[in-house]
Amino acid sequence: MSEKNESKRIGAKQHKNSGRNTKKGDATWRNFVVDFKESAKSFTINQDVWAKAVTDAIKAGIDKSPAIVVVLGEGNKKTRLAIIEFDLLDQLTWEENNGAEGTK
């Protein structure tokens, strides 16, 4: 995997020189700044990893949310997981079940 291939796979706009440029994160997809992580078997998420994703999203703009896409596996057997803030997940599922105009 490369960030380029994963970005293309989901239709995201890849950030050039994402680690060294002023535009942080690997790509922008919809309203997310995405950081791709790949491992054959596991990936550890901790406060420092999440804090970097949040900082990258803040630097990209107030309308962007952080997301970490973890790609586990090798070859044709890969599992892709997205890590987003719970409040955003709650909002997305609320709107799906109650409409954007509903109240909690």
PDB file of N, CA and C in Angstrom:
ATOM      1  N   MET A   1       0.843  -1.179   0.000  1.00  0.00           N
ATOM      2  CA  MET A   1       0.000   0.000   0.000  1.00  0.00           C
ATOM      3  C   MET A   1       0.887   1.241   0.000  1.00  0.00           C
ATOM      4  N   SER A   2       0.352   2.225  -0.546  1.00  0.00           N
ATOM      5  CA  SER A   2       0.940   3.542  -0.388  1.00  0.00           C
ATOM      6  C   SER A   2      -0.203   4.507  -0.139  1.00  0.00           C
ATOM      7  N   GLU A   3       0.130   5.638   0.427  1.00  0.00           N
ATOM      8  CA  GLU A   3      -0.910   6.651   0.629  1.00  0.00           C
ATOM      9  C   GLU A   3      -1.553   7.014  -0.703  1.00  0.00           C
ATOM     10  N   LYS A   4      -0.740   7.027  -1.758  1.00  0.00           N
ATOM     11  CA  LYS A   4      -1.246   7.371  -3.084  1.00  0.00           C
ATOM     12  C   LYS A   4      -2.308   6.385  -3.534  1.00  0.00           C
ATOM     13  N   ASN A   5      -2.036   5.094  -3.393  1.00  0.00           N
ATOM     14  CA  ASN A   5      -2.999   4.068  -3.812  1.00  0.00           C
ATOM     15  C   ASN A   5      -4.264   4.102  -2.964  1.00  0.00           C
ATOM     16  N   GLU A   6      -4.110   4.260  -1.663  1.00  0.00           N
ATOM     17  CA  GLU A   6      -5.281   4.307  -0.786  1.00  0.00           C
ATOM     18  C   GLU A   6      -6.106   5.569  -1.043  1.00  0.00           C
ATOM     19  N   SER A   7      -5.428   6.680  -1.270  1.00  0.00           N
ATOM     20  CA  SER A   7      -6.143   7.916  -1.587  1.00  0.00           C
ATOM     21  C   SER A   7      -6.963   7.752  -2.858  1.00  0.00           C
ATOM     22  N   LYS A   8      -6.346   7.182  -3.855  1.00  0.00           N
ATOM     23  CA  LYS A   8      -7.029   6.950  -5.135  1.00  0.00           C
ATOM     24  C   LYS A   8      -8.215   6.004  -4.953  1.00  0.00           C
ATOM     25  N   ARG A   9      -8.029   4.993  -4.143  1.00  0.00           N
ATOM     26  CA  ARG A   9      -9.065   3.990  -3.913  1.00  0.00           C
ATOM     27  C   ARG A   9     -10.358   4.605  -3.364  1.00  0.00           C
ATOM     28  N   ILE A  10     -10.225   5.616  -2.476  1.00  0.00           N
ATOM     29  CA  ILE A  10     -11.423   6.229  -1.886  1.00  0.00           C
ATOM     30  C   ILE A  10     -11.799   7.551  -2.546  1.00  0.00           C
ATOM     31  N   GLY A  11     -11.004   7.984  -3.521  1.00  0.00           N
ATOM     32  CA  GLY A  11     -11.302   9.235  -4.199  1.00  0.00           C
ATOM     33  C   GLY A  11     -10.875  10.467  -3.433  1.00  0.00           C
ATOM     34  N   ALA A  12      -9.835  10.336  -2.624  1.00  0.00           N
ATOM     35  CA  ALA A  12      -9.339  11.457  -1.822  1.00  0.00           C
ATOM     36  C   ALA A  12      -8.284  12.239  -2.597  1.00  0.00           C
ATOM     37  N   LYS A  13      -8.109  13.495  -2.218  1.00  0.00           N
ATOM     38  CA  LYS A  13      -7.075  14.333  -2.810  1.00  0.00           C
ATOM     39  C   LYS A  13      -5.820  14.202  -1.959  1.00  0.00           C
ATOM     40  N   GLN A  14      -4.775  13.644  -2.557  1.00  0.00           N
ATOM     41  CA  GLN A  14      -3.547  13.403  -1.821  1.00  0.00           C
ATOM     42  C   GLN A  14      -2.789  14.706  -1.594  1.00  0.00           C
ATOM     43  N   HIS A  15      -2.162  14.836  -0.422  1.00  0.00           N
ATOM     44  CA  HIS A  15      -1.326  15.990  -0.100  1.00  0.00           C
ATOM     45  C   HIS A  15       0.101  15.670  -0.509  1.00  0.00           C
ATOM     46  N   LYS A  16       0.705  16.520  -1.306  1.00  0.00           N
ATOM     47  CA  LYS A  16       2.091  16.321  -1.724  1.00  0.00           C
ATOM     48  C   LYS A  16       3.018  16.560  -0.541  1.00  0.00           C
ATOM     49  N   ASN A  17       4.020  15.722  -0.404  1.00  0.00           N
ATOM     50  CA  ASN A  17       5.006  15.851   0.678  1.00  0.00           C
ATOM     51  C   ASN A  17       4.333  16.049   2.031  1.00  0.00           C
ATOM     52  N   SER A  18       3.342  15.218   2.325  1.00  0.00           N
ATOM     53  CA  SER A  18       2.506  15.420   3.510  1.00  0.00           C
ATOM     54  C   SER A  18       3.287  15.499   4.809  1.00  0.00           C
ATOM     55  N   GLY A  19       4.391  14.831   4.915  1.00  0.00           N
ATOM     56  CA  GLY A  19       5.162  14.871   6.157  1.00  0.00           C
ATOM     57  C   GLY A  19       6.051  16.096   6.283  1.00  0.00           C
ATOM     58  N   ARG A  20       6.363  16.737   5.141  1.00  0.00           N
ATOM     59  CA  ARG A  20       7.321  17.845   5.166  1.00  0.00           C
ATOM     60  C   ARG A  20       6.698  19.177   4.761  1.00  0.00           C
ATOM     61  N   ASN A  21       5.527  19.149   4.192  1.00  0.00           N
ATOM     62  CA  ASN A  21       4.902  20.356   3.673  1.00  0.00           C
ATOM     63  C   ASN A  21       4.049  21.035   4.740  1.00  0.00           C
ATOM     64  N   THR A  22       3.502  22.191   4.413  1.00  0.00           N
ATOM     65  CA  THR A  22       2.630  22.889   5.354  1.00  0.00           C
ATOM     66  C   THR A  22       1.266  22.226   5.431  1.00  0.00           C
ATOM     67  N   LYS A  23       0.874  21.492   4.407  1.00  0.00           N
ATOM     68  CA  LYS A  23      -0.408  20.786   4.406  1.00  0.00           C
ATOM     69  C   LYS A  23      -0.178  19.383   4.976  1.00  0.00           C
ATOM     70  N   LYS A  24      -0.586  19.184   6.207  1.00  0.00           N
ATOM     71  CA  LYS A  24      -0.308  17.928   6.902  1.00  0.00           C
ATOM     72  C   LYS A  24      -1.408  16.907   6.645  1.00  0.00           C
ATOM     73  N   GLY A  25      -1.199  15.687   7.110  1.00  0.00           N
ATOM     74  CA  GLY A  25      -2.103  14.589   6.817  1.00  0.00           C
ATOM     75  C   GLY A  25      -1.766  14.050   5.435  1.00  0.00           C
ATOM     76  N   ASP A  26      -2.192  12.840   5.142  1.00  0.00           N
ATOM     77  CA  ASP A  26      -1.859  12.226   3.860  1.00  0.00           C
ATOM     78  C   ASP A  26      -2.787  12.660   2.735  1.00  0.00           C
ATOM     79  N   ALA A  27      -4.057  12.959   3.073  1.00  0.00           N
ATOM     80  CA  ALA A  27      -5.027  13.290   2.032  1.00  0.00           C
ATOM     81  C   ALA A  27      -6.233  14.001   2.635  1.00  0.00           C
ATOM     82  N   THR A  28      -7.038  14.598   1.764  1.00  0.00           N
ATOM     83  CA  THR A  28      -8.319  15.172   2.161  1.00  0.00           C
ATOM     84  C   THR A  28      -9.404  14.380   1.451  1.00  0.00           C
ATOM     85  N   TRP A  29     -10.383  13.925   2.213  1.00  0.00           N
ATOM     86  CA  TRP A  29     -11.508  13.164   1.668  1.00  0.00           C
ATOM     87  C   TRP A  29     -12.778  13.706   2.307  1.00  0.00           C
ATOM     88  N   ARG A  30     -13.644  14.250   1.456  1.00  0.00           N
ATOM     89  CA  ARG A  30     -14.854  14.916   1.928  1.00  0.00           C
ATOM     90  C   ARG A  30     -14.470  15.945   2.984  1.00  0.00           C
ATOM     91  N   ASN A  31     -14.999  15.864   4.176  1.00  0.00           N
ATOM     92  CA  ASN A  31     -14.632  16.866   5.194  1.00  0.00           C
ATOM     93  C   ASN A  31     -13.606  16.312   6.192  1.00  0.00           C
ATOM     94  N   PHE A  32     -12.832  15.327   5.767  1.00  0.00           N
ATOM     95  CA  PHE A  32     -11.826  14.713   6.641  1.00  0.00           C
ATOM     96  C   PHE A  32     -10.416  14.960   6.136  1.00  0.00           C
ATOM     97  N   VAL A  33      -9.505  15.165   7.076  1.00  0.00           N
ATOM     98  CA  VAL A  33      -8.078  15.082   6.789  1.00  0.00           C
ATOM     99  C   VAL A  33      -7.672  13.686   7.240  1.00  0.00           C
ATOM    100  N   VAL A  34      -7.198  12.884   6.284  1.00  0.00           N
ATOM    101  CA  VAL A  34      -6.957  11.460   6.519  1.00  0.00           C
ATOM    102  C   VAL A  34      -5.465  11.184   6.677  1.00  0.00           C
ATOM    103  N   ASP A  35      -5.148  10.385   7.683  1.00  0.00           N
ATOM    104  CA  ASP A  35      -3.797   9.877   7.882  1.00  0.00           C
ATOM    105  C   ASP A  35      -3.886   8.364   7.720  1.00  0.00           C
ATOM    106  N   PHE A  36      -3.211   7.821   6.711  1.00  0.00           N
ATOM    107  CA  PHE A  36      -3.233   6.377   6.466  1.00  0.00           C
ATOM    108  C   PHE A  36      -2.141   5.691   7.275  1.00  0.00           C
ATOM    109  N   LYS A  37      -2.490   4.566   7.879  1.00  0.00           N
ATOM    110  CA  LYS A  37      -1.540   3.736   8.624  1.00  0.00           C
ATOM    111  C   LYS A  37      -1.683   2.303   8.120  1.00  0.00           C
ATOM    112  N   GLU A  38      -0.578   1.665   7.848  1.00  0.00           N
ATOM    113  CA  GLU A  38      -0.618   0.296   7.340  1.00  0.00           C
ATOM    114  C   GLU A  38       0.235  -0.629   8.197  1.00  0.00           C
ATOM    115  N   SER A  39      -0.296  -1.840   8.403  1.00  0.00           N
ATOM    116  CA  SER A  39       0.455  -2.854   9.136  1.00  0.00           C
ATOM    117  C   SER A  39      -0.038  -4.231   8.713  1.00  0.00           C
ATOM    118  N   ALA A  40       0.839  -5.198   8.721  1.00  0.00           N
ATOM    119  CA  ALA A  40       0.441  -6.558   8.373  1.00  0.00           C
ATOM    120  C   ALA A  40      -0.512  -7.146   9.407  1.00  0.00           C
ATOM    121  N   LYS A  41      -0.291  -6.838  10.692  1.00  0.00           N
ATOM    122  CA  LYS A  41      -1.086  -7.489  11.731  1.00  0.00           C
ATOM    123  C   LYS A  41      -1.763  -6.546  12.724  1.00  0.00           C
ATOM    124  N   SER A  42      -1.114  -5.444  13.107  1.00  0.00           N
ATOM    125  CA  SER A  42      -1.718  -4.598  14.139  1.00  0.00           C
ATOM    126  C   SER A  42      -1.230  -3.164  14.017  1.00  0.00           C
ATOM    127  N   PHE A  43      -1.969  -2.280  14.642  1.00  0.00           N
ATOM    128  CA  PHE A  43      -1.590  -0.869  14.728  1.00  0.00           C
ATOM    129  C   PHE A  43      -2.033  -0.376  16.097  1.00  0.00           C
ATOM    130  N   THR A  44      -1.158   0.344  16.773  1.00  0.00           N
ATOM    131  CA  THR A  44      -1.474   0.853  18.097  1.00  0.00           C
ATOM    132  C   THR A  44      -1.918   2.304  18.001  1.00  0.00           C
ATOM    133  N   ILE A  45      -3.092   2.567  18.536  1.00  0.00           N
ATOM    134  CA  ILE A  45      -3.589   3.942  18.609  1.00  0.00           C
ATOM    135  C   ILE A  45      -3.380   4.427  20.042  1.00  0.00           C
ATOM    136  N   ASN A  46      -2.870   5.630  20.171  1.00  0.00           N
ATOM    137  CA  ASN A  46      -2.700   6.215  21.503  1.00  0.00           C
ATOM    138  C   ASN A  46      -2.977   7.709  21.412  1.00  0.00           C
ATOM    139  N   GLN A  47      -2.884   8.407  22.521  1.00  0.00           N
ATOM    140  CA  GLN A  47      -3.210   9.833  22.541  1.00  0.00           C
ATOM    141  C   GLN A  47      -2.302  10.650  21.631  1.00  0.00           C
ATOM    142  N   ASP A  48      -1.035  10.291  21.538  1.00  0.00           N
ATOM    143  CA  ASP A  48      -0.108  11.034  20.682  1.00  0.00           C
ATOM    144  C   ASP A  48      -0.464  10.889  19.209  1.00  0.00           C
ATOM    145  N   VAL A  49      -0.807   9.683  18.783  1.00  0.00           N
ATOM    146  CA  VAL A  49      -1.186   9.438  17.384  1.00  0.00           C
ATOM    147  C   VAL A  49      -2.463  10.215  17.055  1.00  0.00           C
ATOM    148  N   TRP A  50      -3.447  10.145  17.956  1.00  0.00           N
ATOM    149  CA  TRP A  50      -4.703  10.862  17.715  1.00  0.00           C
ATOM    150  C   TRP A  50      -4.482  12.381  17.753  1.00  0.00           C
ATOM    151  N   ALA A  51      -3.646  12.858  18.671  1.00  0.00           N
ATOM    152  CA  ALA A  51      -3.371  14.293  18.772  1.00  0.00           C
ATOM    153  C   ALA A  51      -2.756  14.821  17.479  1.00  0.00           C
ATOM    154  N   LYS A  52      -1.884  14.051  16.854  1.00  0.00           N
ATOM    155  CA  LYS A  52      -1.290  14.470  15.578  1.00  0.00           C
ATOM    156  C   LYS A  52      -2.361  14.565  14.507  1.00  0.00           C
ATOM    157  N   ALA A  53      -3.265  13.601  14.450  1.00  0.00           N
ATOM    158  CA  ALA A  53      -4.340  13.637  13.459  1.00  0.00           C
ATOM    159  C   ALA A  53      -5.234  14.860  13.674  1.00  0.00           C
ATOM    160  N   VAL A  54      -5.538  15.160  14.927  1.00  0.00           N
ATOM    161  CA  VAL A  54      -6.370  16.324  15.251  1.00  0.00           C
ATOM    162  C   VAL A  54      -5.644  17.613  14.868  1.00  0.00           C
ATOM    163  N   THR A  55      -4.368  17.714  15.192  1.00  0.00           N
ATOM    164  CA  THR A  55      -3.579  18.903  14.850  1.00  0.00           C
ATOM    165  C   THR A  55      -3.530  19.103  13.336  1.00  0.00           C
ATOM    166  N   ASP A  56      -3.326  18.025  12.585  1.00  0.00           N
ATOM    167  CA  ASP A  56      -3.299  18.118  11.122  1.00  0.00           C
ATOM    168  C   ASP A  56      -4.631  18.623  10.581  1.00  0.00           C
ATOM    169  N   ALA A  57      -5.737  18.150  11.139  1.00  0.00           N
ATOM    170  CA  ALA A  57      -7.059  18.587  10.691  1.00  0.00           C
ATOM    171  C   ALA A  57      -7.293  20.058  11.029  1.00  0.00           C
ATOM    172  N   ILE A  58      -6.877  20.485  12.208  1.00  0.00           N
ATOM    173  CA  ILE A  58      -7.037  21.884  12.606  1.00  0.00           C
ATOM    174  C   ILE A  58      -6.257  22.796  11.661  1.00  0.00           C
ATOM    175  N   LYS A  59      -5.047  22.393  11.321  1.00  0.00           N
ATOM    176  CA  LYS A  59      -4.221  23.190  10.413  1.00  0.00           C
ATOM    177  C   LYS A  59      -4.828  23.265   9.017  1.00  0.00           C
ATOM    178  N   ALA A  60      -5.593  22.245   8.628  1.00  0.00           N
ATOM    179  CA  ALA A  60      -6.203  22.210   7.293  1.00  0.00           C
ATOM    180  C   ALA A  60      -7.424  23.110   7.197  1.00  0.00           C
ATOM    181  N   GLY A  61      -8.057  23.419   8.315  1.00  0.00           N
ATOM    182  CA  GLY A  61      -9.212  24.307   8.288  1.00  0.00           C
ATOM    183  C   GLY A  61     -10.245  23.918   9.314  1.00  0.00           C
ATOM    184  N   ILE A  62     -11.039  24.893   9.691  1.00  0.00           N
ATOM    185  CA  ILE A  62     -12.036  24.685  10.747  1.00  0.00           C
ATOM    186  C   ILE A  62     -13.124  23.694  10.338  1.00  0.00           C
ATOM    187  N   ASP A  63     -13.324  23.524   9.045  1.00  0.00           N
ATOM    188  CA  ASP A  63     -14.378  22.629   8.568  1.00  0.00           C
ATOM    189  C   ASP A  63     -13.901  21.191   8.365  1.00  0.00           C
ATOM    190  N   LYS A  64     -12.679  20.885   8.759  1.00  0.00           N
ATOM    191  CA  LYS A  64     -12.117  19.540   8.568  1.00  0.00           C
ATOM    192  C   LYS A  64     -12.090  18.762   9.880  1.00  0.00           C
ATOM    193  N   SER A  65     -12.353  17.472   9.764  1.00  0.00           N
ATOM    194  CA  SER A  65     -12.299  16.568  10.916  1.00  0.00           C
ATOM    195  C   SER A  65     -11.175  15.566  10.710  1.00  0.00           C
ATOM    196  N   PRO A  66     -10.549  15.109  11.798  1.00  0.00           N
ATOM    197  CA  PRO A  66      -9.483  14.119  11.665  1.00  0.00           C
ATOM    198  C   PRO A  66     -10.032  12.714  11.431  1.00  0.00           C
ATOM    199  N   ALA A  67      -9.300  11.946  10.658  1.00  0.00           N
ATOM    200  CA  ALA A  67      -9.610  10.523  10.461  1.00  0.00           C
ATOM    201  C   ALA A  67      -8.303   9.774  10.265  1.00  0.00           C
ATOM    202  N   ILE A  68      -8.215   8.629  10.885  1.00  0.00           N
ATOM    203  CA  ILE A  68      -7.089   7.722  10.666  1.00  0.00           C
ATOM    204  C   ILE A  68      -7.661   6.487   9.985  1.00  0.00           C
ATOM    205  N   VAL A  69      -7.112   6.152   8.827  1.00  0.00           N
ATOM    206  CA  VAL A  69      -7.520   4.937   8.128  1.00  0.00           C
ATOM    207  C   VAL A  69      -6.419   3.908   8.347  1.00  0.00           C
ATOM    208  N   VAL A  70      -6.767   2.826   9.017  1.00  0.00           N
ATOM    209  CA  VAL A  70      -5.821   1.760   9.314  1.00  0.00           C
ATOM    210  C   VAL A  70      -6.059   0.625   8.321  1.00  0.00           C
ATOM    211  N   VAL A  71      -5.004   0.237   7.613  1.00  0.00           N
ATOM    212  CA  VAL A  71      -5.082  -0.852   6.652  1.00  0.00           C
ATOM    213  C   VAL A  71      -4.281  -2.017   7.231  1.00  0.00           C
ATOM    214  N   LEU A  72      -4.987  -3.086   7.588  1.00  0.00           N
ATOM    215  CA  LEU A  72      -4.359  -4.270   8.174  1.00  0.00           C
ATOM    216  C   LEU A  72      -4.358  -5.398   7.151  1.00  0.00           C
ATOM    217  N   GLY A  73      -3.267  -6.138   7.080  1.00  0.00           N
ATOM    218  CA  GLY A  73      -3.196  -7.285   6.193  1.00  0.00           C
ATOM    219  C   GLY A  73      -2.207  -7.068   5.068  1.00  0.00           C
ATOM    220  N   GLU A  74      -2.128  -8.090   4.217  1.00  0.00           N
ATOM    221  CA  GLU A  74      -1.179  -8.067   3.104  1.00  0.00           C
ATOM    222  C   GLU A  74      -1.844  -8.619   1.859  1.00  0.00           C
ATOM    223  N   GLY A  75      -1.305  -8.238   0.710  1.00  0.00           N
ATOM    224  CA  GLY A  75      -1.821  -8.754  -0.560  1.00  0.00           C
ATOM    225  C   GLY A  75      -3.277  -8.394  -0.764  1.00  0.00           C
ATOM    226  N   ASN A  76      -4.077  -9.411  -1.130  1.00  0.00           N
ATOM    227  CA  ASN A  76      -5.508  -9.198  -1.381  1.00  0.00           C
ATOM    228  C   ASN A  76      -6.364  -9.335  -0.134  1.00  0.00           C
ATOM    229  N   LYS A  77      -5.763  -9.684   0.993  1.00  0.00           N
ATOM    230  CA  LYS A  77      -6.512  -9.857   2.244  1.00  0.00           C
ATOM    231  C   LYS A  77      -6.236  -8.689   3.169  1.00  0.00           C
ATOM    232  N   LYS A  78      -6.968  -7.587   2.948  1.00  0.00           N
ATOM    233  CA  LYS A  78      -6.778  -6.399   3.763  1.00  0.00           C
ATOM    234  C   LYS A  78      -8.098  -5.996   4.400  1.00  0.00           C
ATOM    235  N   THR A  79      -7.974  -5.488   5.605  1.00  0.00           N
ATOM    236  CA  THR A  79      -9.118  -4.928   6.317  1.00  0.00           C
ATOM    237  C   THR A  79      -8.836  -3.454   6.517  1.00  0.00           C
ATOM    238  N   ARG A  80      -9.809  -2.629   6.142  1.00  0.00           N
ATOM    239  CA  ARG A  80      -9.659  -1.185   6.278  1.00  0.00           C
ATOM    240  C   ARG A  80     -10.612  -0.671   7.346  1.00  0.00           C
ATOM    241  N   LEU A  81     -10.060   0.049   8.311  1.00  0.00           N
ATOM    242  CA  LEU A  81     -10.841   0.608   9.412  1.00  0.00           C
ATOM    243  C   LEU A  81     -10.645   2.111   9.446  1.00  0.00           C
ATOM    244  N   ALA A  82     -11.692   2.831   9.809  1.00  0.00           N
ATOM    245  CA  ALA A  82     -11.587   4.287   9.955  1.00  0.00           C
ATOM    246  C   ALA A  82     -11.801   4.649  11.412  1.00  0.00           C
ATOM    247  N   ILE A  83     -10.956   5.502  11.919  1.00  0.00           N
ATOM    248  CA  ILE A  83     -11.068   5.996  13.294  1.00  0.00           C
ATOM    249  C   ILE A  83     -11.448   7.470  13.212  1.00  0.00           C
ATOM    250  N   ILE A  84     -12.624   7.803  13.792  1.00  0.00           N
ATOM    251  CA  ILE A  84     -13.089   9.182  13.846  1.00  0.00           C
ATOM    252  C   ILE A  84     -13.562   9.473  15.264  1.00  0.00           C
ATOM    253  N   GLU A  85     -13.793  10.752  15.557  1.00  0.00           N
ATOM    254  CA  GLU A  85     -14.276  11.129  16.885  1.00  0.00           C
ATOM    255  C   GLU A  85     -15.672  10.562  17.118  1.00  0.00           C
ATOM    256  N   PHE A  86     -15.949  10.121  18.344  1.00  0.00           N
ATOM    257  CA  PHE A  86     -17.253   9.547  18.657  1.00  0.00           C
ATOM    258  C   PHE A  86     -18.380  10.554  18.454  1.00  0.00           C
ATOM    259  N   ASP A  87     -18.158  11.817  18.824  1.00  0.00           N
ATOM    260  CA  ASP A  87     -19.199  12.831  18.641  1.00  0.00           C
ATOM    261  C   ASP A  87     -19.610  12.945  17.177  1.00  0.00           C
ATOM    262  N   LEU A  88     -18.640  12.827  16.268  1.00  0.00           N
ATOM    263  CA  LEU A  88     -18.955  12.879  14.846  1.00  0.00           C
ATOM    264  C   LEU A  88     -19.734  11.637  14.413  1.00  0.00           C
ATOM    265  N   LEU A  89     -19.341  10.480  14.916  1.00  0.00           N
ATOM    266  CA  LEU A  89     -20.080   9.252  14.623  1.00  0.00           C
ATOM    267  C   LEU A  89     -21.509   9.357  15.127  1.00  0.00           C
ATOM    268  N   ASP A  90     -21.670   9.891  16.330  1.00  0.00           N
ATOM    269  CA  ASP A  90     -23.000  10.092  16.903  1.00  0.00           C
ATOM    270  C   ASP A  90     -23.834  11.016  16.024  1.00  0.00           C
ATOM    271  N   GLN A  91     -23.233  12.097  15.580  1.00  0.00           N
ATOM    272  CA  GLN A  91     -23.928  13.052  14.713  1.00  0.00           C
ATOM    273  C   GLN A  91     -24.330  12.395  13.388  1.00  0.00           C
ATOM    274  N   LEU A  92     -23.419  11.656  12.779  1.00  0.00           N
ATOM    275  CA  LEU A  92     -23.718  11.002  11.503  1.00  0.00           C
ATOM    276  C   LEU A  92     -24.849   9.988  11.643  1.00  0.00           C
ATOM    277  N   THR A  93     -24.820   9.204  12.696  1.00  0.00           N
ATOM    278  CA  THR A  93     -25.870   8.198  12.868  1.00  0.00           C
ATOM    279  C   THR A  93     -27.175   8.833  13.310  1.00  0.00           C
ATOM    280  N   TRP A  94     -27.115   9.922  14.058  1.00  0.00           N
ATOM    281  CA  TRP A  94     -28.325  10.639  14.454  1.00  0.00           C
ATOM    282  C   TRP A  94     -29.042  11.183  13.224  1.00  0.00           C
ATOM    283  N   GLU A  95     -28.300  11.833  12.352  1.00  0.00           N
ATOM    284  CA  GLU A  95     -28.881  12.408  11.155  1.00  0.00           C
ATOM    285  C   GLU A  95     -29.462  11.322  10.252  1.00  0.00           C
ATOM    286  N   GLU A  96     -28.794  10.194  10.186  1.00  0.00           N
ATOM    287  CA  GLU A  96     -29.281   9.087   9.364  1.00  0.00           C
ATOM    288  C   GLU A  96     -30.619   8.575   9.892  1.00  0.00           C
ATOM    289  N   ASN A  97     -30.757   8.506  11.195  1.00  0.00           N
ATOM    290  CA  ASN A  97     -31.976   7.948  11.807  1.00  0.00           C
ATOM    291  C   ASN A  97     -33.082   8.983  12.047  1.00  0.00           C
ATOM    292  N   ASN A  98     -32.712  10.250  12.180  1.00  0.00           N
ATOM    293  CA  ASN A  98     -33.684  11.271  12.565  1.00  0.00           C
ATOM    294  C   ASN A  98     -33.731  12.464  11.614  1.00  0.00           C
ATOM    295  N   GLY A  99     -32.915  12.496  10.608  1.00  0.00           N
ATOM    296  CA  GLY A  99     -32.858  13.639   9.711  1.00  0.00           C
ATOM    297  C   GLY A  99     -32.032  14.747  10.319  1.00  0.00           C
ATOM    298  N   ALA A 100     -31.485  15.583   9.478  1.00  0.00           N
ATOM    299  CA  ALA A 100     -30.613  16.665   9.936  1.00  0.00           C
ATOM    300  C   ALA A 100     -31.361  17.657  10.815  1.00  0.00           C
ATOM    301  N   GLU A 101     -32.670  17.732  10.673  1.00  0.00           N
ATOM    302  CA  GLU A 101     -33.453  18.711  11.433  1.00  0.00           C
ATOM    303  C   GLU A 101     -33.924  18.179  12.782  1.00  0.00           C
ATOM    304  N   GLY A 102     -33.702  16.877  13.045  1.00  0.00           N
ATOM    305  CA  GLY A 102     -34.154  16.296  14.318  1.00  0.00           C
ATOM    306  C   GLY A 102     -33.395  16.862  15.494  1.00  0.00           C
ATOM    307  N   THR A 103     -33.949  16.702  16.678  1.00  0.00           N
ATOM    308  CA  THR A 103     -33.254  17.147  17.885  1.00  0.00           C
ATOM    309  C   THR A 103     -32.960  15.944  18.753  1.00  0.00           C
ATOM    310  N   LYS A 104     -31.888  16.009  19.487  1.00  0.00           N
ATOM    311  CA  LYS A 104     -31.480  14.888  20.340  1.00  0.00           C
ATOM    312  C   LYS A 104     -32.327  14.800  21.550  1.00  0.00           C
TER     313      LYS A 104
END
